[in-house]
N, C-alpha and C. Protein backbone atom coordinates (compact mmCIF):
# COMPACT_ATOMS: atom_id res chain seq x y z
N UNK A 1 33.41 16.04 -0.16
CA UNK A 1 32.53 16.29 0.91
C UNK A 1 31.48 17.60 1.04
N UNK A 2 32.33 18.66 0.47
CA UNK A 2 31.59 19.91 0.87
C UNK A 2 30.17 19.89 -0.24
N UNK A 3 30.41 19.20 -1.41
CA UNK A 3 29.21 19.18 -2.24
C UNK A 3 28.08 18.52 -1.58
N UNK A 4 28.21 17.22 -0.91
CA UNK A 4 27.43 16.60 -0.30
C UNK A 4 26.71 17.64 0.82
N UNK A 5 27.21 18.25 1.61
CA UNK A 5 26.56 18.96 2.56
C UNK A 5 25.97 20.20 1.89
N UNK A 6 26.20 20.72 1.04
CA UNK A 6 25.58 21.83 0.17
C UNK A 6 24.29 21.11 -0.20
N UNK A 7 24.34 19.97 -0.67
CA UNK A 7 23.13 19.50 -1.47
C UNK A 7 22.13 19.13 -0.24
N UNK A 8 22.42 18.72 1.14
CA UNK A 8 21.64 18.29 2.11
C UNK A 8 20.88 19.61 2.35
N UNK A 9 21.82 20.56 2.62
CA UNK A 9 21.55 21.91 3.22
C UNK A 9 20.38 22.61 2.30
N UNK A 10 20.53 22.42 0.96
CA UNK A 10 19.62 23.21 0.12
C UNK A 10 18.26 22.13 0.10
N UNK A 11 18.44 20.96 0.40
CA UNK A 11 17.18 19.97 0.40
C UNK A 11 16.49 20.42 1.42
N UNK A 12 17.10 20.56 2.67
CA UNK A 12 16.40 20.79 3.79
C UNK A 12 15.65 22.28 3.92
N UNK A 13 16.37 23.20 3.31
CA UNK A 13 15.86 24.32 3.17
C UNK A 13 14.63 24.36 2.22
N UNK A 14 14.65 23.66 1.09
CA UNK A 14 13.34 23.54 0.28
C UNK A 14 12.41 22.86 1.04
N UNK A 15 12.67 21.86 1.74
CA UNK A 15 11.64 20.99 2.81
C UNK A 15 10.90 21.94 3.64
N UNK A 16 11.81 22.78 4.29
CA UNK A 16 11.06 23.81 5.09
C UNK A 16 10.28 24.80 4.42
N UNK A 17 10.54 25.34 3.28
CA UNK A 17 9.96 26.38 2.57
C UNK A 17 8.46 25.53 2.17
N UNK A 18 8.74 24.39 1.43
CA UNK A 18 7.34 23.57 1.21
C UNK A 18 6.61 23.40 2.45
N UNK A 19 7.10 23.33 3.49
CA UNK A 19 6.42 22.97 4.80
C UNK A 19 5.46 24.17 5.15
N UNK A 20 6.23 25.26 4.99
CA UNK A 20 5.74 26.58 5.42
C UNK A 20 4.37 26.99 4.49
N UNK A 21 4.83 26.72 3.15
CA UNK A 21 3.78 27.08 2.28
C UNK A 21 2.53 26.19 2.45
N UNK A 22 2.69 24.92 2.78
CA UNK A 22 1.84 24.05 3.23
C UNK A 22 0.69 24.38 4.15
N UNK A 23 1.54 24.98 5.42
CA UNK A 23 0.74 25.27 6.36
C UNK A 23 -0.17 26.61 6.07
N UNK A 24 0.41 27.52 5.16
CA UNK A 24 -0.36 28.68 4.90
C UNK A 24 -1.41 28.41 4.06
N UNK A 25 -1.32 27.34 3.04
CA UNK A 25 -2.47 26.95 2.19
C UNK A 25 -3.53 26.27 3.21
N UNK A 26 -3.15 25.63 4.06
CA UNK A 26 -4.08 25.04 4.89
C UNK A 26 -4.72 25.81 5.74
N UNK A 27 -4.23 27.00 6.32
CA UNK A 27 -4.99 28.03 6.96
C UNK A 27 -5.86 28.69 6.06
N UNK A 28 -5.49 28.96 4.83
CA UNK A 28 -6.62 29.52 3.80
C UNK A 28 -7.68 28.78 3.48
N UNK A 29 -7.30 27.43 3.05
CA UNK A 29 -8.43 26.50 3.17
C UNK A 29 -9.33 26.44 4.17
N UNK A 30 -8.82 26.33 5.55
CA UNK A 30 -9.88 26.34 6.62
C UNK A 30 -10.55 27.49 6.53
N UNK A 31 -10.30 28.74 6.44
CA UNK A 31 -10.86 29.91 6.50
C UNK A 31 -12.10 29.87 5.21
N UNK A 32 -11.78 29.42 4.27
CA UNK A 32 -12.60 29.15 3.14
C UNK A 32 -13.87 28.33 3.40
N UNK A 33 -13.48 27.05 4.29
CA UNK A 33 -14.56 26.03 4.38
C UNK A 33 -15.06 26.65 5.57
N UNK A 34 -14.79 27.48 6.45
CA UNK A 34 -15.56 27.99 7.58
C UNK A 34 -16.39 28.89 7.08
N UNK A 35 -16.23 29.80 6.06
CA UNK A 35 -17.17 30.89 5.43
C UNK A 35 -18.36 30.04 4.84
N UNK A 36 -17.97 28.97 4.01
CA UNK A 36 -18.80 28.07 3.56
C UNK A 36 -19.54 27.37 4.48
N UNK A 37 -19.47 26.83 5.47
CA UNK A 37 -20.05 26.06 6.56
C UNK A 37 -21.19 27.16 7.16
N UNK A 38 -20.70 28.46 7.62
CA UNK A 38 -21.45 29.31 8.53
C UNK A 38 -22.47 29.87 7.65
N UNK A 39 -22.10 30.23 6.20
CA UNK A 39 -23.24 30.55 5.29
C UNK A 39 -24.31 29.59 5.24
N UNK A 40 -23.82 28.25 5.06
CA UNK A 40 -24.69 27.12 4.81
C UNK A 40 -25.61 26.85 6.21
N UNK A 41 -24.98 26.85 7.23
CA UNK A 41 -25.85 26.76 8.48
C UNK A 41 -26.38 27.94 8.87
N UNK A 42 -26.11 29.22 8.85
CA UNK A 42 -26.68 30.18 9.70
C UNK A 42 -27.05 31.41 8.63
N UNK A 43 -26.68 31.29 7.42
CA UNK A 43 -27.00 32.27 6.46
C UNK A 43 -28.33 32.59 6.32
N UNK A 44 -28.51 33.55 5.67
CA UNK A 44 -30.12 34.23 5.40
C UNK A 44 -30.17 34.28 3.85
N UNK A 45 -31.43 33.71 3.35
CA UNK A 45 -31.64 33.98 1.76
C UNK A 45 -31.94 35.39 1.34
N UNK A 46 -32.07 36.22 2.29
CA UNK A 46 -32.45 37.57 1.82
C UNK A 46 -31.49 38.39 1.21
N UNK A 47 -30.11 38.48 1.72
CA UNK A 47 -29.19 39.06 0.86
C UNK A 47 -28.87 38.50 -0.36
N UNK A 48 -28.99 37.36 -0.55
CA UNK A 48 -28.52 36.53 -1.90
C UNK A 48 -29.65 36.96 -3.08
N UNK A 49 -30.82 37.01 -2.68
CA UNK A 49 -31.78 37.49 -3.78
C UNK A 49 -31.29 38.82 -4.13
N UNK A 50 -30.64 39.89 -3.67
CA UNK A 50 -30.35 40.87 -4.30
C UNK A 50 -28.86 40.90 -5.11
N UNK A 51 -28.45 39.57 -5.32
CA UNK A 51 -27.43 39.33 -6.24
C UNK A 51 -27.46 39.28 -7.64
N UNK A 52 -28.99 39.28 -7.86
CA UNK A 52 -29.31 38.68 -9.36
C UNK A 52 -28.51 39.34 -10.43
N UNK A 53 -28.40 40.79 -10.38
CA UNK A 53 -27.70 41.44 -11.45
C UNK A 53 -26.15 41.27 -11.66
N UNK A 54 -25.65 40.71 -10.52
CA UNK A 54 -24.13 40.51 -10.67
C UNK A 54 -24.08 39.07 -10.55
N UNK A 55 -25.05 38.16 -10.69
CA UNK A 55 -24.80 36.50 -10.53
C UNK A 55 -23.73 36.05 -11.46
N UNK A 56 -22.84 35.14 -10.77
CA UNK A 56 -21.72 34.72 -11.63
C UNK A 56 -20.53 35.12 -11.49
N UNK A 57 -20.54 36.54 -11.08
CA UNK A 57 -19.29 37.22 -10.99
C UNK A 57 -18.40 36.87 -9.60
N UNK A 58 -17.31 36.96 -9.82
CA UNK A 58 -16.12 36.72 -8.65
C UNK A 58 -15.67 38.00 -7.99
N UNK A 59 -15.55 37.53 -6.54
CA UNK A 59 -14.90 38.64 -5.82
C UNK A 59 -13.87 37.86 -5.11
N UNK A 60 -12.68 38.40 -5.26
CA UNK A 60 -11.40 37.83 -4.71
C UNK A 60 -11.07 38.46 -3.43
N UNK A 61 -10.58 37.56 -2.34
CA UNK A 61 -10.12 38.29 -1.04
C UNK A 61 -8.73 37.50 -1.16
N UNK A 62 -7.91 38.81 -0.68
CA UNK A 62 -6.29 38.34 -0.70
C UNK A 62 -5.88 38.45 0.71
N UNK A 63 -5.45 37.37 1.21
CA UNK A 63 -5.11 37.57 2.81
C UNK A 63 -3.54 37.63 2.80
N UNK A 64 -3.33 38.98 2.80
CA UNK A 64 -1.65 39.48 2.36
C UNK A 64 -0.74 38.65 3.45
N UNK A 65 -0.87 38.50 4.72
CA UNK A 65 0.13 37.78 5.70
C UNK A 65 0.26 36.34 5.27
N UNK A 66 -0.85 35.61 4.70
CA UNK A 66 -0.85 34.32 4.33
C UNK A 66 -0.60 34.09 3.03
N UNK A 67 -0.54 35.24 2.27
CA UNK A 67 -0.37 35.05 0.75
C UNK A 67 -1.20 34.24 -0.13
N UNK A 68 -2.43 34.27 0.37
CA UNK A 68 -3.55 33.37 0.05
C UNK A 68 -4.62 33.95 -0.53
N UNK A 69 -5.34 33.55 -1.58
CA UNK A 69 -6.50 34.09 -2.16
C UNK A 69 -7.80 33.19 -1.86
N UNK A 70 -8.83 33.99 -1.59
CA UNK A 70 -10.00 33.19 -1.65
C UNK A 70 -11.05 33.80 -2.58
N UNK A 71 -11.68 33.15 -3.36
CA UNK A 71 -12.41 33.65 -4.51
C UNK A 71 -14.02 33.16 -4.08
N UNK A 72 -15.04 34.21 -4.13
CA UNK A 72 -16.41 34.02 -3.80
C UNK A 72 -17.18 34.32 -5.27
N UNK A 73 -18.00 33.22 -5.57
CA UNK A 73 -18.65 33.30 -6.90
C UNK A 73 -20.16 33.66 -6.34
N UNK A 74 -20.33 34.94 -6.80
CA UNK A 74 -21.66 35.23 -6.29
C UNK A 74 -22.94 34.68 -7.04
N UNK A 75 -23.87 34.31 -6.11
CA UNK A 75 -25.07 33.72 -6.51
C UNK A 75 -26.24 34.26 -5.92
N UNK A 76 -27.53 34.07 -6.47
CA UNK A 76 -28.60 34.53 -5.93
C UNK A 76 -29.45 33.39 -5.18
N UNK A 77 -28.94 32.13 -4.99
CA UNK A 77 -29.31 31.31 -4.45
C UNK A 77 -28.36 30.81 -3.32
N UNK A 78 -28.61 30.99 -1.96
CA UNK A 78 -27.96 30.41 -0.95
C UNK A 78 -27.37 29.10 -0.83
N UNK A 79 -28.09 28.13 -1.58
CA UNK A 79 -27.59 26.77 -1.42
C UNK A 79 -26.69 26.51 -2.72
N UNK A 80 -26.42 27.60 -3.44
CA UNK A 80 -25.45 27.39 -4.30
C UNK A 80 -24.23 28.14 -4.20
N UNK A 81 -24.18 28.70 -2.97
CA UNK A 81 -22.98 29.64 -2.38
C UNK A 81 -21.58 28.81 -2.47
N UNK A 82 -20.63 29.28 -3.15
CA UNK A 82 -19.44 28.71 -3.28
C UNK A 82 -18.18 29.76 -2.94
N UNK A 83 -17.37 29.26 -2.40
CA UNK A 83 -15.83 29.82 -2.29
C UNK A 83 -14.87 28.89 -2.43
N UNK A 84 -13.68 29.25 -2.93
CA UNK A 84 -12.61 28.39 -3.24
C UNK A 84 -11.35 29.07 -2.83
N UNK A 85 -10.36 28.50 -2.33
CA UNK A 85 -8.91 28.91 -2.12
C UNK A 85 -8.13 29.29 -3.25
N UNK A 86 -8.49 29.97 -4.32
CA UNK A 86 -7.48 30.18 -5.27
C UNK A 86 -7.74 31.60 -5.86
N UNK A 87 -6.94 32.05 -6.88
CA UNK A 87 -6.94 33.50 -7.38
C UNK A 87 -8.26 33.23 -8.28
N UNK A 88 -8.83 34.50 -8.47
CA UNK A 88 -9.92 34.86 -9.34
C UNK A 88 -9.64 35.09 -10.71
N UNK A 89 -10.47 34.58 -11.69
CA UNK A 89 -10.03 34.65 -13.11
C UNK A 89 -10.09 35.93 -13.61
N UNK A 90 -11.22 36.39 -13.30
CA UNK A 90 -11.82 37.89 -13.65
C UNK A 90 -12.62 38.36 -12.68
N UNK A 91 -12.01 38.91 -11.37
CA UNK A 91 -12.85 39.66 -10.37
C UNK A 91 -13.45 40.91 -10.51
N UNK A 92 -14.46 41.15 -10.03
CA UNK A 92 -15.09 42.54 -10.38
C UNK A 92 -14.72 43.43 -9.08
N UNK A 93 -14.16 42.58 -8.26
CA UNK A 93 -13.76 43.31 -6.92
C UNK A 93 -12.71 42.57 -6.29
N UNK A 94 -11.96 43.08 -5.46
CA UNK A 94 -10.76 42.62 -4.62
C UNK A 94 -10.93 43.09 -3.29
N UNK A 95 -10.80 42.23 -2.38
CA UNK A 95 -10.70 42.66 -1.01
C UNK A 95 -9.33 42.11 -0.35
N UNK A 96 -8.69 43.25 0.03
CA UNK A 96 -7.18 43.02 0.40
C UNK A 96 -7.42 42.93 2.16
N UNK A 97 -7.14 41.78 2.81
CA UNK A 97 -7.01 41.91 4.35
C UNK A 97 -5.60 41.92 4.57
N UNK A 98 -5.19 43.14 5.17
CA UNK A 98 -3.84 43.58 5.37
C UNK A 98 -3.69 43.75 7.11
N UNK A 99 -3.95 42.49 7.60
CA UNK A 99 -3.69 42.53 9.20
C UNK A 99 -2.49 41.26 9.52
N UNK A 100 -2.02 41.16 10.56
CA UNK A 100 -1.06 40.21 11.12
C UNK A 100 -1.89 38.88 10.90
N UNK A 101 -1.13 37.80 10.72
CA UNK A 101 -1.66 36.49 10.58
C UNK A 101 -2.29 36.08 11.73
N UNK A 102 -1.92 36.32 12.84
CA UNK A 102 -2.75 35.95 13.97
C UNK A 102 -4.18 36.85 14.16
N UNK A 103 -4.32 37.85 13.48
CA UNK A 103 -5.61 38.58 13.51
C UNK A 103 -6.44 38.38 12.51
N UNK A 104 -6.12 37.58 11.47
CA UNK A 104 -7.06 37.41 10.22
C UNK A 104 -8.42 36.82 10.44
N UNK A 105 -8.17 35.85 11.33
CA UNK A 105 -9.69 34.96 11.70
C UNK A 105 -10.54 36.09 12.47
N UNK A 106 -9.82 36.75 13.50
CA UNK A 106 -10.69 37.53 14.29
C UNK A 106 -11.38 38.64 13.49
N UNK A 107 -10.61 39.41 12.47
CA UNK A 107 -10.97 40.39 11.65
C UNK A 107 -12.38 39.82 10.93
N UNK A 108 -12.08 38.68 10.21
CA UNK A 108 -13.10 37.98 9.54
C UNK A 108 -14.33 37.56 10.28
N UNK A 109 -14.01 37.02 11.41
CA UNK A 109 -15.13 36.69 12.47
C UNK A 109 -15.95 37.76 12.60
N UNK A 110 -15.49 38.90 13.16
CA UNK A 110 -16.17 40.00 13.50
C UNK A 110 -17.20 40.43 12.42
N UNK A 111 -16.59 40.42 11.21
CA UNK A 111 -17.59 40.91 10.24
C UNK A 111 -18.73 39.84 9.93
N UNK A 112 -18.22 38.62 9.81
CA UNK A 112 -19.36 37.77 9.60
C UNK A 112 -20.37 37.58 10.71
N UNK A 113 -19.91 37.96 12.13
CA UNK A 113 -20.83 37.79 13.24
C UNK A 113 -21.76 38.98 13.35
N UNK A 114 -21.50 40.01 12.36
CA UNK A 114 -22.25 41.10 12.39
C UNK A 114 -23.75 40.90 11.83
N UNK A 115 -24.74 41.87 11.84
CA UNK A 115 -25.97 41.74 11.44
C UNK A 115 -25.95 42.25 9.96
N UNK A 116 -26.74 41.94 9.00
CA UNK A 116 -26.80 42.25 7.85
C UNK A 116 -27.42 43.44 7.51
N UNK A 117 -27.02 44.56 8.11
CA UNK A 117 -27.79 45.92 8.10
C UNK A 117 -26.89 46.98 7.87
N UNK A 118 -27.18 48.08 7.95
CA UNK A 118 -26.29 49.27 7.92
C UNK A 118 -25.41 49.37 8.88
N UNK A 119 -25.96 49.08 10.37
CA UNK A 119 -25.15 49.16 11.35
C UNK A 119 -24.06 47.98 11.42
N UNK A 120 -24.39 46.91 10.72
CA UNK A 120 -23.42 45.86 10.44
C UNK A 120 -22.13 46.20 9.32
N UNK A 121 -22.79 47.04 8.36
CA UNK A 121 -21.70 47.48 7.37
C UNK A 121 -20.96 48.36 7.88
N UNK A 122 -21.29 49.18 8.93
CA UNK A 122 -20.78 50.14 9.58
C UNK A 122 -19.21 49.60 10.45
N UNK A 123 -19.54 48.13 10.93
CA UNK A 123 -18.32 47.64 11.48
C UNK A 123 -17.37 47.24 10.54
N UNK A 124 -17.73 47.24 9.11
CA UNK A 124 -16.70 47.11 7.98
C UNK A 124 -15.92 48.31 8.08
N UNK A 125 -16.31 49.36 8.22
CA UNK A 125 -15.59 50.74 8.08
C UNK A 125 -14.53 50.99 9.03
N UNK A 126 -14.63 50.30 10.22
CA UNK A 126 -13.65 50.43 11.45
C UNK A 126 -12.42 49.50 10.97
N UNK A 127 -12.54 48.75 9.92
CA UNK A 127 -11.36 48.09 9.36
C UNK A 127 -10.97 48.73 8.11
N UNK A 128 -11.71 49.27 7.31
CA UNK A 128 -11.43 50.06 6.06
C UNK A 128 -10.66 51.27 6.34
N UNK A 129 -10.84 52.09 7.33
CA UNK A 129 -10.56 53.48 7.37
C UNK A 129 -8.89 53.24 7.91
N UNK A 130 -8.52 52.49 8.93
CA UNK A 130 -7.04 52.16 9.01
C UNK A 130 -6.21 51.38 8.22
N UNK A 131 -6.88 51.10 7.28
CA UNK A 131 -6.40 50.21 6.08
C UNK A 131 -6.04 48.77 6.35
N UNK A 132 -6.89 48.23 7.53
CA UNK A 132 -6.73 46.79 7.61
C UNK A 132 -7.39 46.04 6.33
N UNK A 133 -8.24 46.50 5.98
CA UNK A 133 -9.15 45.97 4.88
C UNK A 133 -9.13 47.29 3.75
N UNK A 134 -8.79 46.79 2.50
CA UNK A 134 -8.69 47.57 1.31
C UNK A 134 -9.53 46.87 0.28
N UNK A 135 -10.39 47.70 -0.43
CA UNK A 135 -11.29 47.34 -1.41
C UNK A 135 -10.99 47.98 -2.73
N UNK A 136 -10.77 47.09 -3.81
CA UNK A 136 -10.31 47.73 -5.01
C UNK A 136 -11.63 46.82 -6.03
N UNK A 137 -11.96 47.94 -6.88
CA UNK A 137 -13.02 47.63 -7.81
C UNK A 137 -14.45 47.84 -7.24
N UNK A 138 -15.34 47.18 -7.68
CA UNK A 138 -16.82 47.50 -7.45
C UNK A 138 -17.21 47.27 -5.86
N UNK A 139 -17.27 48.45 -5.31
CA UNK A 139 -17.64 48.43 -3.68
C UNK A 139 -18.97 47.87 -3.52
N UNK A 140 -19.90 48.06 -4.51
CA UNK A 140 -21.19 47.74 -4.23
C UNK A 140 -21.05 46.10 -4.42
N UNK A 141 -20.57 45.54 -5.12
CA UNK A 141 -20.09 44.17 -5.20
C UNK A 141 -19.57 43.53 -3.84
N UNK A 142 -18.59 44.37 -3.26
CA UNK A 142 -17.92 43.73 -2.13
C UNK A 142 -19.06 43.85 -1.01
N UNK A 143 -20.14 44.94 -0.85
CA UNK A 143 -20.68 45.19 0.14
C UNK A 143 -22.08 43.89 0.05
N UNK A 144 -22.33 43.88 -1.09
CA UNK A 144 -23.50 42.69 -1.34
C UNK A 144 -22.83 41.48 -0.97
N UNK A 145 -21.53 41.15 -1.24
CA UNK A 145 -21.04 40.00 -0.59
C UNK A 145 -20.95 39.83 1.03
N UNK A 146 -20.47 40.86 1.58
CA UNK A 146 -20.18 41.01 2.91
C UNK A 146 -21.85 40.54 3.47
N UNK A 147 -22.70 41.29 2.93
CA UNK A 147 -23.99 41.23 3.40
C UNK A 147 -24.62 39.74 3.48
N UNK A 148 -23.94 39.02 2.38
CA UNK A 148 -24.59 37.63 2.35
C UNK A 148 -23.88 36.82 3.44
N UNK A 149 -22.38 37.25 3.66
CA UNK A 149 -21.57 36.42 4.67
C UNK A 149 -21.77 36.76 6.13
N UNK A 150 -22.67 37.91 6.34
CA UNK A 150 -23.03 38.17 7.72
C UNK A 150 -24.11 37.48 8.16
N UNK A 151 -23.99 36.78 9.53
CA UNK A 151 -24.87 35.58 10.01
C UNK A 151 -25.49 36.25 11.29
N UNK A 152 -25.28 37.54 11.71
CA UNK A 152 -25.68 37.89 12.99
C UNK A 152 -27.09 38.11 13.30
N UNK A 153 -27.90 37.96 11.99
CA UNK A 153 -29.36 38.10 12.40
C UNK A 153 -30.11 36.65 12.79
N UNK A 154 -29.19 35.55 12.72
CA UNK A 154 -29.69 34.21 13.15
C UNK A 154 -30.21 34.12 14.37
N UNK A 155 -30.97 33.21 14.74
CA UNK A 155 -31.68 33.25 16.09
C UNK A 155 -30.53 32.77 17.02
N UNK A 156 -29.30 32.12 16.72
CA UNK A 156 -28.28 31.62 17.58
C UNK A 156 -27.69 33.09 18.40
N UNK A 157 -27.74 34.25 17.55
CA UNK A 157 -27.04 35.28 18.09
C UNK A 157 -28.33 36.28 18.94
N UNK A 158 -29.50 35.75 19.02
CA UNK A 158 -30.15 36.52 19.65
C UNK A 158 -30.20 36.16 21.29
N UNK A 159 -30.38 37.53 22.11
CA UNK A 159 -30.40 37.28 23.41
C UNK A 159 -31.66 36.69 24.05
N UNK A 160 -31.55 35.91 24.82
CA UNK A 160 -32.71 35.11 25.68
C UNK A 160 -32.91 35.81 26.80
N UNK A 161 -34.17 36.03 26.85
CA UNK A 161 -34.74 36.91 28.05
C UNK A 161 -34.99 36.20 29.39
C-alpha cells in the first residue's frame, strides 16, 4: 500500500511542476506576442532602417523570474519583425530582466511606451543602474533593438489640445 501512495504522490508533484512550467511558458509567449503586436500596429519604420549592418542577428532577452527566453531577430524592415519565445542560437547580445514576476510586464511596458530618442533611451538607464536590467554583449545592438520596440512617438500617445 505504501508504494501506491508514493507513486500517486510523485505523479501529483510532477503534474504540479508541469502546470507551473506551462503557466510560465504561457506568460513568456504572451509577452512575445504583445511585443510583436505593438510593433506591428504602432511601430515606426525609422529605427528599423538603422539595422542594415546587423540584419539577421539575434538578441536574446532572458526573463529571470519566469525562466524564459525571448529571441528578437533584427531586420531592417518593420514588416518582417519577428520575435519568438525560445533561446537564441547565436545571440550578439543578451538582455537579462531581473525583476519580480509581477513587475516584468510593467518594466517592459515602460520601455516600449517611451519615445525612440535619447530621452527614451535614458529611461532604460533607470533600470540598468540598479541592476533590474543587465546587458551582455553588444550594447549598440541592444540599443538599436530597444529603439525599434519603442512606440511612444505614435500619434496615440500625443496629447490632444
